[in-house]
Amino acid sequence: MIRKLINKPENLSADSVFQIIEIYFTGQYKTIRQSDSKLKIKRLYKYQSNGWETIQRQLSFRDSGYFQVDNNSLSFSIDLTKQIVFWTLMAASGMFILWKLFHLSFLLTLILIFVPILIGWSIGLIGLKQFVDLQIDAISKRLND
């Protein structure tokens, strides 16, 4: 889980902070208030479909996140549970296929499975950190205006 904190202006309540966040994310994310101090955002996907084809959405690092208001701070955290479970299952099935069915050595199987996964995760996490920084900076500017 990636988490970033910013200071909340003292004159704003949690409700007004969430209203500013909801206005900022309109059209890109669906906002769901889970409690008085917690707001969940979930990415909206809009695809053209004529009703016949099945549309599959990409597993993205930026699918969902949480805003939480504490006394003096606003935290934004991204939930990576779905990605971790997916890639763990993919790695386990890939290891089984390469090691047992194709009779590759265990070391070669580990290299073929985990090097691309580690490269992909590092690129994804760097992009996610940039995304979180950009969103928090934009929201911080709106809160302070």
N, C-alpha and C. Protein backbone atom coordinates (compact mmCIF):
# COMPACT_ATOMS: atom_id res chain seq x y z
N MET A 1 0.84 -1.16 0.00
CA MET A 1 0.00 0.00 0.00
C MET A 1 0.89 1.24 0.00
N ILE A 2 0.56 2.17 -0.84
CA ILE A 2 1.30 3.43 -0.93
C ILE A 2 0.46 4.50 -0.27
N ARG A 3 1.06 5.30 0.60
CA ARG A 3 0.32 6.32 1.35
C ARG A 3 1.11 7.63 1.34
N LYS A 4 0.38 8.72 1.17
CA LYS A 4 0.96 10.05 1.19
C LYS A 4 0.08 10.95 2.04
N LEU A 5 0.69 11.77 2.89
CA LEU A 5 -0.02 12.67 3.79
C LEU A 5 0.21 14.12 3.39
N ILE A 6 -0.83 14.93 3.54
CA ILE A 6 -0.70 16.38 3.41
C ILE A 6 -1.44 17.03 4.57
N ASN A 7 -1.08 18.26 4.88
CA ASN A 7 -1.77 18.99 5.94
C ASN A 7 -3.09 19.52 5.42
N LYS A 8 -4.12 19.36 6.23
CA LYS A 8 -5.46 19.85 5.89
C LYS A 8 -5.62 21.23 6.51
N PRO A 9 -6.15 22.19 5.75
CA PRO A 9 -6.42 23.50 6.35
C PRO A 9 -7.38 23.36 7.53
N GLU A 10 -7.12 24.11 8.58
CA GLU A 10 -7.90 23.97 9.81
C GLU A 10 -9.33 24.48 9.66
N ASN A 11 -9.55 25.40 8.72
CA ASN A 11 -10.89 25.97 8.58
C ASN A 11 -11.83 25.10 7.75
N LEU A 12 -11.35 23.99 7.19
CA LEU A 12 -12.18 23.10 6.38
C LEU A 12 -12.58 21.86 7.17
N SER A 13 -13.83 21.48 7.04
CA SER A 13 -14.29 20.24 7.67
C SER A 13 -14.00 19.07 6.72
N ALA A 14 -14.18 17.86 7.23
CA ALA A 14 -13.96 16.67 6.41
C ALA A 14 -14.94 16.62 5.25
N ASP A 15 -16.17 17.05 5.48
CA ASP A 15 -17.18 17.06 4.43
C ASP A 15 -16.80 18.01 3.30
N SER A 16 -16.30 19.19 3.62
CA SER A 16 -15.92 20.13 2.57
C SER A 16 -14.66 19.66 1.84
N VAL A 17 -13.75 19.00 2.53
CA VAL A 17 -12.57 18.43 1.88
C VAL A 17 -13.00 17.36 0.88
N PHE A 18 -13.93 16.50 1.28
CA PHE A 18 -14.41 15.45 0.39
C PHE A 18 -15.18 16.03 -0.80
N GLN A 19 -15.89 17.11 -0.60
CA GLN A 19 -16.58 17.76 -1.73
C GLN A 19 -15.58 18.30 -2.74
N ILE A 20 -14.48 18.87 -2.27
CA ILE A 20 -13.44 19.37 -3.17
C ILE A 20 -12.82 18.21 -3.94
N ILE A 21 -12.56 17.11 -3.26
CA ILE A 21 -11.98 15.93 -3.91
C ILE A 21 -12.94 15.35 -4.92
N GLU A 22 -14.23 15.27 -4.59
CA GLU A 22 -15.23 14.73 -5.52
C GLU A 22 -15.34 15.59 -6.77
N ILE A 23 -15.27 16.90 -6.62
CA ILE A 23 -15.31 17.78 -7.78
C ILE A 23 -14.07 17.58 -8.64
N TYR A 24 -12.91 17.42 -8.01
CA TYR A 24 -11.66 17.23 -8.74
C TYR A 24 -11.67 15.94 -9.56
N PHE A 25 -12.22 14.87 -9.02
CA PHE A 25 -12.18 13.57 -9.69
C PHE A 25 -13.40 13.28 -10.54
N THR A 26 -14.30 14.23 -10.72
CA THR A 26 -15.51 14.01 -11.52
C THR A 26 -15.14 13.60 -12.94
N GLY A 27 -15.73 12.53 -13.41
CA GLY A 27 -15.51 12.04 -14.77
C GLY A 27 -14.40 11.02 -14.89
N GLN A 28 -13.44 11.01 -13.97
CA GLN A 28 -12.34 10.06 -14.03
C GLN A 28 -12.51 8.92 -13.02
N TYR A 29 -13.00 9.27 -11.84
CA TYR A 29 -13.13 8.31 -10.76
C TYR A 29 -14.52 8.40 -10.14
N LYS A 30 -15.01 7.28 -9.67
CA LYS A 30 -16.26 7.24 -8.91
C LYS A 30 -15.88 7.40 -7.44
N THR A 31 -16.53 8.32 -6.75
CA THR A 31 -16.21 8.53 -5.35
C THR A 31 -17.32 7.95 -4.48
N ILE A 32 -16.92 7.22 -3.45
CA ILE A 32 -17.85 6.57 -2.54
C ILE A 32 -17.43 6.92 -1.12
N ARG A 33 -18.32 7.54 -0.38
CA ARG A 33 -18.02 7.85 1.02
C ARG A 33 -18.30 6.63 1.87
N GLN A 34 -17.26 6.11 2.50
CA GLN A 34 -17.43 4.93 3.33
C GLN A 34 -17.73 5.29 4.78
N SER A 35 -17.29 6.45 5.21
CA SER A 35 -17.61 6.94 6.54
C SER A 35 -17.43 8.46 6.52
N ASP A 36 -17.55 9.08 7.70
CA ASP A 36 -17.38 10.53 7.76
C ASP A 36 -15.94 10.96 7.49
N SER A 37 -15.00 10.04 7.68
CA SER A 37 -13.60 10.40 7.52
C SER A 37 -12.90 9.61 6.41
N LYS A 38 -13.62 8.80 5.65
CA LYS A 38 -12.99 7.97 4.63
C LYS A 38 -13.76 8.05 3.32
N LEU A 39 -13.04 8.28 2.24
CA LEU A 39 -13.61 8.38 0.90
C LEU A 39 -12.85 7.42 -0.01
N LYS A 40 -13.58 6.59 -0.73
CA LYS A 40 -12.96 5.64 -1.66
C LYS A 40 -13.15 6.16 -3.07
N ILE A 41 -12.09 6.06 -3.88
CA ILE A 41 -12.20 6.41 -5.29
C ILE A 41 -11.95 5.15 -6.10
N LYS A 42 -12.71 5.01 -7.17
CA LYS A 42 -12.58 3.85 -8.06
C LYS A 42 -12.60 4.36 -9.49
N ARG A 43 -11.66 3.92 -10.28
CA ARG A 43 -11.51 4.40 -11.65
C ARG A 43 -12.70 4.02 -12.50
N LEU A 44 -13.18 4.97 -13.30
CA LEU A 44 -14.26 4.71 -14.25
C LEU A 44 -13.66 4.33 -15.59
N TYR A 45 -14.19 3.32 -16.20
CA TYR A 45 -13.74 2.90 -17.52
C TYR A 45 -14.89 3.09 -18.49
N LYS A 46 -14.63 3.78 -19.58
CA LYS A 46 -15.66 4.01 -20.59
C LYS A 46 -15.17 3.43 -21.91
N TYR A 47 -15.87 2.42 -22.37
CA TYR A 47 -15.52 1.77 -23.62
C TYR A 47 -16.73 1.80 -24.55
N GLN A 48 -16.47 1.94 -25.81
CA GLN A 48 -17.52 1.85 -26.82
C GLN A 48 -17.84 0.37 -27.03
N SER A 49 -19.09 0.02 -27.07
CA SER A 49 -19.47 -1.35 -27.28
C SER A 49 -20.77 -1.37 -28.07
N ASN A 50 -20.87 -2.34 -28.99
CA ASN A 50 -22.13 -2.49 -29.71
C ASN A 50 -22.97 -3.61 -29.12
N GLY A 51 -22.53 -4.15 -27.98
CA GLY A 51 -23.30 -5.17 -27.29
C GLY A 51 -22.89 -6.58 -27.61
N TRP A 52 -22.07 -6.78 -28.63
CA TRP A 52 -21.69 -8.13 -29.02
C TRP A 52 -20.35 -8.55 -28.43
N GLU A 53 -19.40 -7.65 -28.41
CA GLU A 53 -18.07 -8.05 -27.95
C GLU A 53 -17.96 -7.89 -26.43
N THR A 54 -17.08 -8.66 -25.87
CA THR A 54 -16.80 -8.57 -24.44
C THR A 54 -15.64 -7.61 -24.26
N ILE A 55 -15.82 -6.67 -23.37
CA ILE A 55 -14.79 -5.67 -23.12
C ILE A 55 -14.07 -6.03 -21.84
N GLN A 56 -12.76 -6.20 -21.94
CA GLN A 56 -11.97 -6.52 -20.77
C GLN A 56 -11.16 -5.28 -20.40
N ARG A 57 -11.16 -4.94 -19.13
CA ARG A 57 -10.40 -3.77 -18.73
C ARG A 57 -9.04 -4.21 -18.23
N GLN A 58 -8.08 -3.33 -18.40
CA GLN A 58 -6.71 -3.62 -18.04
C GLN A 58 -6.54 -3.54 -16.52
N LEU A 59 -5.73 -4.41 -15.96
CA LEU A 59 -5.43 -4.37 -14.54
C LEU A 59 -4.42 -3.25 -14.31
N SER A 60 -4.86 -2.18 -13.71
CA SER A 60 -4.04 -1.00 -13.56
C SER A 60 -3.68 -0.77 -12.11
N PHE A 61 -2.54 -0.14 -11.88
CA PHE A 61 -2.12 0.19 -10.53
C PHE A 61 -3.00 1.30 -9.94
N ARG A 62 -3.67 2.07 -10.79
CA ARG A 62 -4.43 3.23 -10.33
C ARG A 62 -5.93 2.97 -10.28
N ASP A 63 -6.32 1.74 -10.09
CA ASP A 63 -7.75 1.39 -10.08
C ASP A 63 -8.51 1.99 -8.91
N SER A 64 -7.97 1.91 -7.72
CA SER A 64 -8.72 2.42 -6.58
C SER A 64 -7.78 2.93 -5.51
N GLY A 65 -8.32 3.80 -4.67
CA GLY A 65 -7.56 4.37 -3.57
C GLY A 65 -8.48 4.92 -2.51
N TYR A 66 -7.90 5.38 -1.43
CA TYR A 66 -8.66 5.89 -0.30
C TYR A 66 -8.12 7.24 0.15
N PHE A 67 -9.03 8.15 0.44
CA PHE A 67 -8.70 9.39 1.11
C PHE A 67 -9.24 9.27 2.52
N GLN A 68 -8.41 9.64 3.49
CA GLN A 68 -8.85 9.59 4.87
C GLN A 68 -8.44 10.89 5.57
N VAL A 69 -9.40 11.49 6.25
CA VAL A 69 -9.17 12.73 6.97
C VAL A 69 -9.00 12.42 8.44
N ASP A 70 -7.85 12.81 8.98
CA ASP A 70 -7.62 12.72 10.41
C ASP A 70 -7.74 14.14 10.97
N ASN A 71 -7.27 14.39 12.15
CA ASN A 71 -7.43 15.70 12.77
C ASN A 71 -6.86 16.83 11.92
N ASN A 72 -5.58 16.76 11.59
CA ASN A 72 -4.93 17.85 10.86
C ASN A 72 -4.39 17.42 9.51
N SER A 73 -4.65 16.20 9.11
CA SER A 73 -4.04 15.72 7.88
C SER A 73 -5.04 14.98 7.00
N LEU A 74 -4.68 14.94 5.73
CA LEU A 74 -5.43 14.20 4.72
C LEU A 74 -4.46 13.18 4.13
N SER A 75 -4.82 11.92 4.17
CA SER A 75 -3.95 10.89 3.61
C SER A 75 -4.60 10.28 2.39
N PHE A 76 -3.76 9.94 1.41
CA PHE A 76 -4.20 9.28 0.18
C PHE A 76 -3.42 7.99 0.08
N SER A 77 -4.11 6.87 0.03
CA SER A 77 -3.44 5.58 -0.07
C SER A 77 -4.04 4.78 -1.22
N ILE A 78 -3.17 4.04 -1.88
CA ILE A 78 -3.56 3.20 -3.01
C ILE A 78 -3.53 1.75 -2.55
N ASP A 79 -4.59 1.02 -2.85
CA ASP A 79 -4.71 -0.38 -2.48
C ASP A 79 -4.16 -1.24 -3.62
N LEU A 80 -3.15 -2.04 -3.32
CA LEU A 80 -2.52 -2.90 -4.33
C LEU A 80 -2.86 -4.38 -4.14
N THR A 81 -3.88 -4.67 -3.38
CA THR A 81 -4.22 -6.06 -3.07
C THR A 81 -4.57 -6.85 -4.33
N LYS A 82 -5.38 -6.26 -5.20
CA LYS A 82 -5.81 -6.97 -6.42
C LYS A 82 -4.60 -7.31 -7.31
N GLN A 83 -3.67 -6.37 -7.44
CA GLN A 83 -2.50 -6.61 -8.27
C GLN A 83 -1.58 -7.67 -7.66
N ILE A 84 -1.41 -7.63 -6.35
CA ILE A 84 -0.54 -8.61 -5.70
C ILE A 84 -1.10 -10.02 -5.85
N VAL A 85 -2.38 -10.18 -5.63
CA VAL A 85 -3.01 -11.50 -5.77
C VAL A 85 -2.92 -12.00 -7.21
N PHE A 86 -3.21 -11.12 -8.18
CA PHE A 86 -3.16 -11.51 -9.58
C PHE A 86 -1.76 -11.96 -9.99
N TRP A 87 -0.76 -11.16 -9.66
CA TRP A 87 0.60 -11.50 -10.10
C TRP A 87 1.18 -12.68 -9.33
N THR A 88 0.74 -12.92 -8.11
CA THR A 88 1.17 -14.11 -7.38
C THR A 88 0.61 -15.37 -8.04
N LEU A 89 -0.66 -15.33 -8.40
CA LEU A 89 -1.26 -16.48 -9.10
C LEU A 89 -0.62 -16.70 -10.46
N MET A 90 -0.33 -15.63 -11.18
CA MET A 90 0.33 -15.77 -12.48
C MET A 90 1.73 -16.37 -12.34
N ALA A 91 2.48 -15.91 -11.32
CA ALA A 91 3.83 -16.44 -11.11
C ALA A 91 3.79 -17.92 -10.72
N ALA A 92 2.84 -18.27 -9.86
CA ALA A 92 2.74 -19.68 -9.43
C ALA A 92 2.36 -20.59 -10.60
N SER A 93 1.42 -20.15 -11.42
CA SER A 93 1.04 -20.98 -12.57
C SER A 93 2.16 -21.03 -13.60
N GLY A 94 2.86 -19.93 -13.80
CA GLY A 94 4.00 -19.93 -14.73
C GLY A 94 5.12 -20.82 -14.26
N MET A 95 5.39 -20.82 -12.97
CA MET A 95 6.43 -21.71 -12.44
C MET A 95 6.03 -23.17 -12.62
N PHE A 96 4.77 -23.49 -12.37
CA PHE A 96 4.32 -24.87 -12.54
C PHE A 96 4.46 -25.29 -14.00
N ILE A 97 4.05 -24.44 -14.91
CA ILE A 97 4.11 -24.79 -16.34
C ILE A 97 5.55 -24.98 -16.80
N LEU A 98 6.42 -24.03 -16.45
CA LEU A 98 7.80 -24.12 -16.94
C LEU A 98 8.59 -25.22 -16.25
N TRP A 99 8.42 -25.38 -14.96
CA TRP A 99 9.24 -26.33 -14.21
C TRP A 99 8.75 -27.76 -14.36
N LYS A 100 7.44 -27.97 -14.27
CA LYS A 100 6.93 -29.34 -14.31
C LYS A 100 6.59 -29.82 -15.73
N LEU A 101 5.94 -28.96 -16.52
CA LEU A 101 5.52 -29.43 -17.84
C LEU A 101 6.63 -29.36 -18.88
N PHE A 102 7.46 -28.30 -18.83
CA PHE A 102 8.53 -28.17 -19.82
C PHE A 102 9.88 -28.64 -19.29
N HIS A 103 9.95 -29.05 -18.05
CA HIS A 103 11.14 -29.63 -17.43
C HIS A 103 12.36 -28.72 -17.52
N LEU A 104 12.15 -27.41 -17.29
CA LEU A 104 13.27 -26.49 -17.20
C LEU A 104 13.85 -26.55 -15.80
N SER A 105 15.09 -26.11 -15.66
CA SER A 105 15.69 -26.12 -14.32
C SER A 105 14.98 -25.09 -13.44
N PHE A 106 15.07 -25.33 -12.13
CA PHE A 106 14.38 -24.45 -11.18
C PHE A 106 14.95 -23.04 -11.23
N LEU A 107 16.26 -22.89 -11.37
CA LEU A 107 16.89 -21.57 -11.44
C LEU A 107 16.46 -20.82 -12.70
N LEU A 108 16.44 -21.48 -13.83
CA LEU A 108 16.00 -20.85 -15.07
C LEU A 108 14.52 -20.46 -15.00
N THR A 109 13.72 -21.31 -14.37
CA THR A 109 12.30 -21.00 -14.19
C THR A 109 12.12 -19.74 -13.35
N LEU A 110 12.88 -19.65 -12.24
CA LEU A 110 12.80 -18.45 -11.40
C LEU A 110 13.21 -17.20 -12.16
N ILE A 111 14.25 -17.30 -12.95
CA ILE A 111 14.72 -16.14 -13.72
C ILE A 111 13.68 -15.74 -14.76
N LEU A 112 13.14 -16.70 -15.49
CA LEU A 112 12.16 -16.40 -16.53
C LEU A 112 10.86 -15.83 -15.97
N ILE A 113 10.51 -16.20 -14.75
CA ILE A 113 9.25 -15.72 -14.16
C ILE A 113 9.45 -14.40 -13.43
N PHE A 114 10.43 -14.33 -12.55
CA PHE A 114 10.50 -13.20 -11.63
C PHE A 114 11.23 -11.97 -12.16
N VAL A 115 12.12 -12.10 -13.11
CA VAL A 115 12.78 -10.91 -13.66
C VAL A 115 11.78 -10.02 -14.40
N PRO A 116 10.93 -10.53 -15.30
CA PRO A 116 9.94 -9.64 -15.92
C PRO A 116 8.92 -9.08 -14.93
N ILE A 117 8.54 -9.88 -13.93
CA ILE A 117 7.59 -9.38 -12.93
C ILE A 117 8.22 -8.25 -12.12
N LEU A 118 9.46 -8.41 -11.71
CA LEU A 118 10.13 -7.36 -10.94
C LEU A 118 10.32 -6.09 -11.76
N ILE A 119 10.64 -6.24 -13.03
CA ILE A 119 10.79 -5.06 -13.90
C ILE A 119 9.43 -4.37 -14.06
N GLY A 120 8.40 -5.13 -14.31
CA GLY A 120 7.06 -4.56 -14.47
C GLY A 120 6.57 -3.88 -13.21
N TRP A 121 6.78 -4.50 -12.05
CA TRP A 121 6.36 -3.90 -10.79
C TRP A 121 7.14 -2.63 -10.50
N SER A 122 8.45 -2.62 -10.78
CA SER A 122 9.21 -1.38 -10.51
C SER A 122 8.75 -0.25 -11.41
N ILE A 123 8.48 -0.52 -12.66
CA ILE A 123 7.97 0.52 -13.55
C ILE A 123 6.59 0.97 -13.09
N GLY A 124 5.73 0.03 -12.71
CA GLY A 124 4.40 0.37 -12.23
C GLY A 124 4.43 1.17 -10.95
N LEU A 125 5.31 0.82 -10.02
CA LEU A 125 5.38 1.55 -8.75
C LEU A 125 5.96 2.95 -8.92
N ILE A 126 6.90 3.11 -9.83
CA ILE A 126 7.43 4.45 -10.12
C ILE A 126 6.33 5.32 -10.72
N GLY A 127 5.58 4.76 -11.66
CA GLY A 127 4.45 5.50 -12.24
C GLY A 127 3.38 5.81 -11.22
N LEU A 128 3.14 4.87 -10.31
CA LEU A 128 2.14 5.08 -9.26
C LEU A 128 2.57 6.17 -8.29
N LYS A 129 3.85 6.21 -7.95
CA LYS A 129 4.35 7.26 -7.06
C LYS A 129 4.21 8.63 -7.73
N GLN A 130 4.50 8.71 -9.02
CA GLN A 130 4.32 9.97 -9.75
C GLN A 130 2.85 10.37 -9.79
N PHE A 131 1.97 9.40 -10.00
CA PHE A 131 0.53 9.66 -10.01
C PHE A 131 0.05 10.20 -8.67
N VAL A 132 0.46 9.54 -7.57
CA VAL A 132 0.05 9.96 -6.23
C VAL A 132 0.57 11.37 -5.94
N ASP A 133 1.84 11.63 -6.28
CA ASP A 133 2.40 12.97 -6.05
C ASP A 133 1.65 14.03 -6.83
N LEU A 134 1.32 13.74 -8.08
CA LEU A 134 0.60 14.70 -8.92
C LEU A 134 -0.80 14.97 -8.37
N GLN A 135 -1.51 13.92 -7.98
CA GLN A 135 -2.87 14.09 -7.46
C GLN A 135 -2.87 14.82 -6.12
N ILE A 136 -1.95 14.47 -5.25
CA ILE A 136 -1.88 15.13 -3.94
C ILE A 136 -1.50 16.60 -4.10
N ASP A 137 -0.59 16.91 -5.00
CA ASP A 137 -0.22 18.31 -5.23
C ASP A 137 -1.41 19.11 -5.76
N ALA A 138 -2.15 18.53 -6.71
CA ALA A 138 -3.31 19.23 -7.27
C ALA A 138 -4.40 19.44 -6.22
N ILE A 139 -4.65 18.43 -5.41
CA ILE A 139 -5.68 18.55 -4.37
C ILE A 139 -5.22 19.52 -3.28
N SER A 140 -3.94 19.48 -2.95
CA SER A 140 -3.42 20.41 -1.95
C SER A 140 -3.58 21.87 -2.40
N LYS A 141 -3.33 22.13 -3.68
CA LYS A 141 -3.52 23.49 -4.20
C LYS A 141 -4.99 23.90 -4.13
N ARG A 142 -5.90 22.98 -4.44
CA ARG A 142 -7.34 23.31 -4.38
C ARG A 142 -7.79 23.52 -2.93
N LEU A 143 -7.23 22.76 -2.00
CA LEU A 143 -7.62 22.93 -0.61
C LEU A 143 -7.13 24.26 -0.05
N ASN A 144 -5.97 24.69 -0.48
CA ASN A 144 -5.40 25.93 0.06
C ASN A 144 -5.93 27.18 -0.62
N ASP A 145 -6.65 27.04 -1.72
CA ASP A 145 -7.22 28.21 -2.41
C ASP A 145 -8.51 28.68 -1.78
